[in-house]
């Protein structure tokens, strides 16, 4: 039997190594496609190369590269905006890393505008309602 495994990059092999090894040792063919082969994670990349040399049924190639975060669709952008509004709630005041992670996908001008007025629960609720309304009218892809 043939198996196709798509991994974002070589570091993900650590969770599949025993399965891939067992499949190849039982005569199956496993093709691993790496979405981001340019990510140079030394240990996992070397481990994957070693596995490829050890196992006859294993081949590794380049897969489809995922879109960059800036090329996300409008629906994805709106959901990122909603996520950031969620993290601006007072419950997350003492979680700056989570807020920073939620802020990252947004354009700086938008995140700055949200930061300026986010203390108001009414502001957050009205912006979230408007964003959800925009999201509802988007065509289903």
N, C-alpha and C. Protein backbone atom coordinates (compact mmCIF):
# COMPACT_ATOMS: atom_id res chain seq x y z
N UNK A 1 0.84 -1.16 0.00
CA UNK A 1 0.00 0.00 0.00
C UNK A 1 0.89 1.23 0.00
N UNK A 2 0.41 2.31 -0.59
CA UNK A 2 1.15 3.57 -0.63
C UNK A 2 0.51 4.59 0.30
N UNK A 3 1.36 5.32 1.01
CA UNK A 3 0.89 6.36 1.93
C UNK A 3 1.54 7.68 1.56
N UNK A 4 0.75 8.73 1.63
CA UNK A 4 1.25 10.08 1.40
C UNK A 4 1.10 10.85 2.70
N UNK A 5 2.20 11.42 3.17
CA UNK A 5 2.20 12.18 4.42
C UNK A 5 2.67 13.59 4.10
N UNK A 6 1.88 14.59 4.45
CA UNK A 6 2.26 15.99 4.23
C UNK A 6 2.65 16.60 5.57
N UNK A 7 3.87 17.10 5.64
CA UNK A 7 4.38 17.75 6.85
C UNK A 7 4.74 19.19 6.52
N UNK A 8 4.48 20.08 7.46
CA UNK A 8 4.82 21.48 7.23
C UNK A 8 6.33 21.63 7.09
N UNK A 9 7.09 20.97 7.96
CA UNK A 9 8.54 20.92 7.83
C UNK A 9 9.05 19.68 8.56
N UNK A 10 10.34 19.44 8.45
CA UNK A 10 10.94 18.19 8.92
C UNK A 10 10.78 17.95 10.42
N UNK A 11 10.60 18.98 11.20
CA UNK A 11 10.50 18.79 12.66
C UNK A 11 9.31 17.93 13.05
N UNK A 12 8.29 17.86 12.20
CA UNK A 12 7.10 17.07 12.52
C UNK A 12 7.34 15.57 12.41
N UNK A 13 8.48 15.15 11.89
CA UNK A 13 8.74 13.72 11.75
C UNK A 13 8.83 13.03 13.11
N UNK A 14 9.18 13.78 14.15
CA UNK A 14 9.35 13.16 15.47
C UNK A 14 8.09 12.46 15.95
N UNK A 15 6.91 12.98 15.57
CA UNK A 15 5.68 12.33 16.04
C UNK A 15 5.24 11.19 15.12
N UNK A 16 5.85 11.06 13.97
CA UNK A 16 5.44 10.02 13.03
C UNK A 16 6.52 8.98 12.74
N UNK A 17 7.68 9.16 13.30
CA UNK A 17 8.81 8.30 12.95
C UNK A 17 8.52 6.82 13.15
N UNK A 18 7.97 6.43 14.28
CA UNK A 18 7.73 5.01 14.53
C UNK A 18 6.69 4.44 13.57
N UNK A 19 5.68 5.24 13.24
CA UNK A 19 4.66 4.79 12.30
C UNK A 19 5.24 4.62 10.90
N UNK A 20 6.01 5.62 10.46
CA UNK A 20 6.64 5.55 9.14
C UNK A 20 7.58 4.35 9.07
N UNK A 21 8.36 4.17 10.11
CA UNK A 21 9.30 3.03 10.14
C UNK A 21 8.54 1.71 10.05
N UNK A 22 7.47 1.55 10.83
CA UNK A 22 6.70 0.31 10.83
C UNK A 22 6.07 0.05 9.46
N UNK A 23 5.53 1.08 8.84
CA UNK A 23 4.93 0.92 7.52
C UNK A 23 5.96 0.45 6.50
N UNK A 24 7.12 1.11 6.48
CA UNK A 24 8.16 0.74 5.52
C UNK A 24 8.70 -0.67 5.79
N UNK A 25 8.86 -1.02 7.05
CA UNK A 25 9.37 -2.35 7.40
C UNK A 25 8.39 -3.45 7.03
N UNK A 26 7.11 -3.10 6.89
CA UNK A 26 6.10 -4.08 6.48
C UNK A 26 5.82 -4.03 4.97
N UNK A 27 6.72 -3.40 4.22
CA UNK A 27 6.63 -3.42 2.77
C UNK A 27 5.80 -2.32 2.13
N UNK A 28 5.34 -1.37 2.90
CA UNK A 28 4.55 -0.27 2.33
C UNK A 28 5.47 0.83 1.82
N UNK A 29 4.93 1.66 0.92
CA UNK A 29 5.66 2.82 0.42
C UNK A 29 5.10 4.06 1.11
N UNK A 30 6.01 4.89 1.62
CA UNK A 30 5.61 6.13 2.28
C UNK A 30 6.31 7.29 1.57
N UNK A 31 5.52 8.24 1.14
CA UNK A 31 6.04 9.45 0.49
C UNK A 31 5.75 10.61 1.43
N UNK A 32 6.79 11.31 1.87
CA UNK A 32 6.63 12.47 2.75
C UNK A 32 6.88 13.72 1.93
N UNK A 33 5.92 14.63 1.97
CA UNK A 33 6.06 15.92 1.29
C UNK A 33 6.23 17.00 2.35
N UNK A 34 7.29 17.78 2.20
CA UNK A 34 7.56 18.87 3.14
C UNK A 34 7.07 20.18 2.53
N UNK A 35 6.19 20.87 3.24
CA UNK A 35 5.65 22.13 2.75
C UNK A 35 6.66 23.26 2.80
N UNK A 36 7.57 23.19 3.76
CA UNK A 36 8.57 24.24 3.91
C UNK A 36 9.95 23.61 4.04
N UNK A 37 10.51 23.14 2.95
CA UNK A 37 11.82 22.49 3.04
C UNK A 37 12.93 23.46 3.41
N UNK A 38 12.69 24.78 3.22
CA UNK A 38 13.73 25.76 3.53
C UNK A 38 13.92 25.95 5.03
N UNK A 39 12.98 25.47 5.84
CA UNK A 39 13.14 25.56 7.29
C UNK A 39 14.23 24.59 7.68
N UNK A 40 15.32 25.12 8.13
CA UNK A 40 16.48 24.29 8.45
C UNK A 40 16.52 24.02 9.96
N UNK A 41 15.90 22.95 10.33
CA UNK A 41 15.94 22.51 11.72
C UNK A 41 16.89 21.33 11.72
N UNK A 42 18.10 21.55 12.18
CA UNK A 42 19.18 20.59 11.98
C UNK A 42 18.86 19.18 12.44
N UNK A 43 18.48 18.98 13.66
CA UNK A 43 18.23 17.63 14.17
C UNK A 43 17.19 16.87 13.39
N UNK A 44 15.96 17.41 13.24
CA UNK A 44 14.93 16.70 12.50
C UNK A 44 15.26 16.48 11.03
N UNK A 45 15.90 17.45 10.39
CA UNK A 45 16.25 17.29 8.98
C UNK A 45 17.26 16.15 8.81
N UNK A 46 18.23 16.10 9.72
CA UNK A 46 19.20 15.01 9.68
C UNK A 46 18.53 13.67 9.97
N UNK A 47 17.60 13.66 10.92
CA UNK A 47 16.89 12.43 11.26
C UNK A 47 16.08 11.93 10.07
N UNK A 48 15.44 12.84 9.38
CA UNK A 48 14.65 12.47 8.20
C UNK A 48 15.56 11.92 7.10
N UNK A 49 16.73 12.53 6.91
CA UNK A 49 17.69 12.03 5.92
C UNK A 49 18.18 10.63 6.30
N UNK A 50 18.42 10.41 7.58
CA UNK A 50 18.85 9.09 8.06
C UNK A 50 17.76 8.05 7.81
N UNK A 51 16.53 8.40 8.13
CA UNK A 51 15.41 7.48 7.89
C UNK A 51 15.28 7.13 6.42
N UNK A 52 15.44 8.14 5.56
CA UNK A 52 15.34 7.91 4.12
C UNK A 52 16.41 6.93 3.66
N UNK A 53 17.61 7.05 4.21
CA UNK A 53 18.69 6.13 3.85
C UNK A 53 18.44 4.72 4.40
N UNK A 54 17.85 4.63 5.58
CA UNK A 54 17.63 3.33 6.23
C UNK A 54 16.44 2.55 5.66
N UNK A 55 15.40 3.25 5.24
CA UNK A 55 14.15 2.59 4.86
C UNK A 55 13.96 2.61 3.35
N UNK A 56 13.81 1.43 2.76
CA UNK A 56 13.66 1.32 1.31
C UNK A 56 12.38 1.98 0.79
N UNK A 57 11.30 1.88 1.52
CA UNK A 57 10.02 2.38 1.02
C UNK A 57 9.76 3.85 1.28
N UNK A 58 10.73 4.57 1.83
CA UNK A 58 10.52 5.98 2.19
C UNK A 58 11.16 6.92 1.19
N UNK A 59 10.38 7.86 0.69
CA UNK A 59 10.91 8.94 -0.14
C UNK A 59 10.41 10.26 0.41
N UNK A 60 11.22 11.29 0.22
CA UNK A 60 10.89 12.63 0.72
C UNK A 60 10.97 13.61 -0.44
N UNK A 61 9.99 14.49 -0.52
CA UNK A 61 9.98 15.50 -1.57
C UNK A 61 9.39 16.80 -1.06
N UNK A 62 9.24 17.73 -1.97
CA UNK A 62 8.68 19.03 -1.64
C UNK A 62 7.20 19.03 -1.95
N UNK A 63 6.41 19.51 -1.02
CA UNK A 63 4.97 19.58 -1.21
C UNK A 63 4.54 20.99 -1.54
N UNK A 64 3.27 21.24 -1.38
CA UNK A 64 2.73 22.57 -1.63
C UNK A 64 3.09 23.46 -0.46
N UNK A 65 3.70 24.58 -0.76
CA UNK A 65 4.06 25.52 0.29
C UNK A 65 2.82 26.24 0.79
N UNK A 66 2.63 26.30 2.11
CA UNK A 66 1.46 27.01 2.62
C UNK A 66 1.53 28.49 2.32
N UNK A 67 0.35 29.09 2.19
CA UNK A 67 0.31 30.53 1.94
C UNK A 67 0.90 31.27 3.13
N UNK A 68 1.53 32.39 2.83
CA UNK A 68 2.04 33.24 3.91
C UNK A 68 0.85 33.84 4.65
N UNK A 69 1.06 34.18 5.91
CA UNK A 69 -0.05 34.68 6.72
C UNK A 69 -0.64 35.96 6.14
N UNK A 70 0.12 36.74 5.44
CA UNK A 70 -0.38 37.99 4.86
C UNK A 70 -1.27 37.72 3.63
N UNK A 71 -1.25 36.52 3.10
CA UNK A 71 -2.06 36.20 1.93
C UNK A 71 -3.34 35.48 2.31
N UNK A 72 -3.70 35.57 3.57
CA UNK A 72 -4.92 34.92 4.05
C UNK A 72 -6.14 35.55 3.39
N UNK A 73 -7.20 34.82 3.31
CA UNK A 73 -8.43 35.33 2.72
C UNK A 73 -9.08 36.34 3.67
N UNK A 74 -10.07 37.07 3.17
CA UNK A 74 -10.73 38.09 3.97
C UNK A 74 -11.38 37.49 5.21
N UNK A 75 -12.00 36.34 5.07
CA UNK A 75 -12.61 35.69 6.23
C UNK A 75 -11.58 35.39 7.31
N UNK A 76 -10.41 34.94 6.90
CA UNK A 76 -9.34 34.68 7.86
C UNK A 76 -8.87 35.94 8.55
N UNK A 77 -8.79 37.02 7.79
CA UNK A 77 -8.40 38.31 8.37
C UNK A 77 -9.42 38.78 9.40
N UNK A 78 -10.70 38.62 9.07
CA UNK A 78 -11.74 39.04 10.01
C UNK A 78 -11.70 38.20 11.28
N UNK A 79 -11.45 36.91 11.15
CA UNK A 79 -11.37 36.06 12.34
C UNK A 79 -10.16 36.42 13.20
N UNK A 80 -9.06 36.81 12.56
CA UNK A 80 -7.90 37.27 13.34
C UNK A 80 -8.25 38.54 14.12
N UNK A 81 -9.02 39.41 13.50
CA UNK A 81 -9.45 40.63 14.16
C UNK A 81 -10.31 40.28 15.38
N UNK A 82 -11.25 39.35 15.20
CA UNK A 82 -12.09 38.92 16.32
C UNK A 82 -11.26 38.28 17.43
N UNK A 83 -10.28 37.49 17.05
CA UNK A 83 -9.41 36.87 18.05
C UNK A 83 -8.70 37.94 18.88
N UNK A 84 -8.18 38.96 18.19
CA UNK A 84 -7.46 40.00 18.91
C UNK A 84 -8.40 40.76 19.84
N UNK A 85 -9.60 41.05 19.38
CA UNK A 85 -10.58 41.71 20.26
C UNK A 85 -10.84 40.86 21.51
N UNK A 86 -10.91 39.57 21.32
CA UNK A 86 -11.12 38.66 22.46
C UNK A 86 -9.98 38.80 23.47
N UNK A 87 -8.74 38.84 22.98
CA UNK A 87 -7.59 38.91 23.87
C UNK A 87 -7.41 40.28 24.51
N UNK A 88 -8.16 41.27 24.05
CA UNK A 88 -8.10 42.59 24.67
C UNK A 88 -9.02 42.72 25.88
N UNK A 89 -9.73 41.67 26.21
CA UNK A 89 -10.58 41.69 27.40
C UNK A 89 -9.71 41.82 28.66
N UNK A 90 -10.26 42.40 29.72
CA UNK A 90 -9.50 42.57 30.96
C UNK A 90 -8.93 41.26 31.52
N UNK A 91 -9.58 40.14 31.24
CA UNK A 91 -9.08 38.85 31.75
C UNK A 91 -7.68 38.52 31.23
N UNK A 92 -7.28 39.14 30.12
CA UNK A 92 -5.97 38.86 29.52
C UNK A 92 -4.95 39.97 29.78
N UNK A 93 -5.25 40.89 30.71
CA UNK A 93 -4.33 41.99 30.99
C UNK A 93 -2.96 41.49 31.44
N UNK A 94 -2.94 40.40 32.19
CA UNK A 94 -1.67 39.89 32.69
C UNK A 94 -1.14 38.75 31.82
N UNK A 95 -1.52 38.74 30.56
CA UNK A 95 -1.04 37.73 29.60
C UNK A 95 -0.52 38.43 28.35
N UNK A 96 0.56 39.19 28.47
CA UNK A 96 1.05 39.97 27.33
C UNK A 96 1.50 39.12 26.14
N UNK A 97 1.99 37.92 26.40
CA UNK A 97 2.44 37.08 25.28
C UNK A 97 1.26 36.63 24.42
N UNK A 98 0.15 36.29 25.07
CA UNK A 98 -1.04 35.88 24.32
C UNK A 98 -1.57 37.05 23.50
N UNK A 99 -1.61 38.23 24.13
CA UNK A 99 -2.06 39.42 23.40
C UNK A 99 -1.15 39.71 22.21
N UNK A 100 0.15 39.60 22.42
CA UNK A 100 1.10 39.87 21.33
C UNK A 100 0.91 38.87 20.18
N UNK A 101 0.66 37.61 20.52
CA UNK A 101 0.43 36.60 19.48
C UNK A 101 -0.85 36.91 18.70
N UNK A 102 -1.89 37.36 19.40
CA UNK A 102 -3.13 37.72 18.73
C UNK A 102 -2.99 38.97 17.87
N UNK A 103 -2.08 39.85 18.25
CA UNK A 103 -1.86 41.11 17.54
C UNK A 103 -1.07 40.91 16.25
N UNK A 104 -0.18 39.94 16.25
CA UNK A 104 0.78 39.74 15.16
C UNK A 104 0.18 39.70 13.76
N UNK A 105 -0.93 38.98 13.51
CA UNK A 105 -1.43 38.91 12.13
C UNK A 105 -2.11 40.19 11.64
N UNK A 106 -2.43 41.11 12.55
CA UNK A 106 -3.15 42.32 12.14
C UNK A 106 -2.19 43.37 11.61
N UNK A 107 -2.66 44.21 10.68
CA UNK A 107 -1.85 45.36 10.27
C UNK A 107 -1.62 46.25 11.50
N UNK A 108 -0.45 46.87 11.58
CA UNK A 108 -0.09 47.68 12.75
C UNK A 108 -1.10 48.79 13.01
N UNK A 109 -1.55 49.45 11.93
CA UNK A 109 -2.48 50.57 12.13
C UNK A 109 -3.79 50.11 12.77
N UNK A 110 -4.25 48.91 12.40
CA UNK A 110 -5.50 48.39 12.96
C UNK A 110 -5.31 47.96 14.42
N UNK A 111 -4.21 47.27 14.69
CA UNK A 111 -3.94 46.85 16.06
C UNK A 111 -3.76 48.06 16.97
N UNK A 112 -3.08 49.09 16.48
CA UNK A 112 -2.90 50.31 17.27
C UNK A 112 -4.24 50.96 17.59
N UNK A 113 -5.12 51.00 16.59
CA UNK A 113 -6.45 51.59 16.81
C UNK A 113 -7.24 50.78 17.84
N UNK A 114 -7.13 49.47 17.77
CA UNK A 114 -7.84 48.63 18.73
C UNK A 114 -7.27 48.83 20.14
N UNK A 115 -5.95 48.90 20.24
CA UNK A 115 -5.31 49.09 21.54
C UNK A 115 -5.77 50.39 22.20
N UNK A 116 -5.93 51.41 21.38
CA UNK A 116 -6.26 52.74 21.90
C UNK A 116 -7.62 52.76 22.61
N UNK A 117 -8.61 52.08 22.04
CA UNK A 117 -9.97 52.15 22.59
C UNK A 117 -10.46 50.84 23.21
N UNK A 118 -9.59 49.87 23.33
CA UNK A 118 -10.02 48.54 23.77
C UNK A 118 -10.44 48.46 25.23
N UNK A 119 -10.13 49.46 26.02
CA UNK A 119 -10.52 49.42 27.44
C UNK A 119 -12.03 49.45 27.61
N UNK A 120 -12.72 49.97 26.62
CA UNK A 120 -14.18 50.07 26.70
C UNK A 120 -14.83 48.76 26.24
N UNK A 121 -15.59 48.10 27.12
CA UNK A 121 -16.27 46.87 26.71
C UNK A 121 -17.31 47.13 25.62
N UNK A 122 -17.91 48.31 25.65
CA UNK A 122 -18.88 48.67 24.62
C UNK A 122 -18.20 48.78 23.26
N UNK A 123 -17.01 49.38 23.24
CA UNK A 123 -16.25 49.50 21.99
C UNK A 123 -15.93 48.11 21.44
N UNK A 124 -15.39 47.24 22.30
CA UNK A 124 -15.03 45.89 21.85
C UNK A 124 -16.25 45.15 21.33
N UNK A 125 -17.37 45.27 22.03
CA UNK A 125 -18.59 44.56 21.63
C UNK A 125 -19.12 45.09 20.31
N UNK A 126 -19.10 46.41 20.11
CA UNK A 126 -19.64 46.96 18.86
C UNK A 126 -18.75 46.63 17.67
N UNK A 127 -17.43 46.69 17.86
CA UNK A 127 -16.52 46.32 16.77
C UNK A 127 -16.66 44.83 16.45
N UNK A 128 -16.74 44.00 17.47
CA UNK A 128 -16.90 42.55 17.25
C UNK A 128 -18.20 42.26 16.51
N UNK A 129 -19.27 42.96 16.87
CA UNK A 129 -20.56 42.76 16.18
C UNK A 129 -20.45 43.16 14.71
N UNK A 130 -19.77 44.27 14.44
CA UNK A 130 -19.60 44.72 13.05
C UNK A 130 -18.76 43.72 12.25
N UNK A 131 -17.70 43.22 12.86
CA UNK A 131 -16.83 42.26 12.17
C UNK A 131 -17.58 40.96 11.91
N UNK A 132 -18.36 40.50 12.88
CA UNK A 132 -19.16 39.28 12.68
C UNK A 132 -20.18 39.48 11.56
N UNK A 133 -20.77 40.67 11.49
CA UNK A 133 -21.74 40.95 10.41
C UNK A 133 -21.05 40.90 9.06
N UNK A 134 -19.84 41.44 8.97
CA UNK A 134 -19.08 41.36 7.72
C UNK A 134 -18.77 39.90 7.37
N UNK A 135 -18.40 39.14 8.37
CA UNK A 135 -18.06 37.74 8.14
C UNK A 135 -19.26 36.94 7.63
N UNK A 136 -20.43 37.26 8.14
CA UNK A 136 -21.65 36.53 7.73
C UNK A 136 -22.01 36.76 6.27
N UNK A 137 -21.65 37.90 5.71
CA UNK A 137 -22.03 38.17 4.31
C UNK A 137 -21.00 37.68 3.31
N UNK A 138 -19.88 37.15 3.79
CA UNK A 138 -18.87 36.63 2.87
C UNK A 138 -19.38 35.36 2.20
N UNK A 139 -19.05 35.17 0.93
CA UNK A 139 -19.46 33.93 0.26
C UNK A 139 -18.70 32.74 0.85
N UNK A 140 -19.35 31.61 0.87
CA UNK A 140 -18.70 30.39 1.35
C UNK A 140 -17.80 29.88 0.24
N UNK A 141 -16.55 29.61 0.58
CA UNK A 141 -15.62 29.16 -0.47
C UNK A 141 -15.56 27.66 -0.53
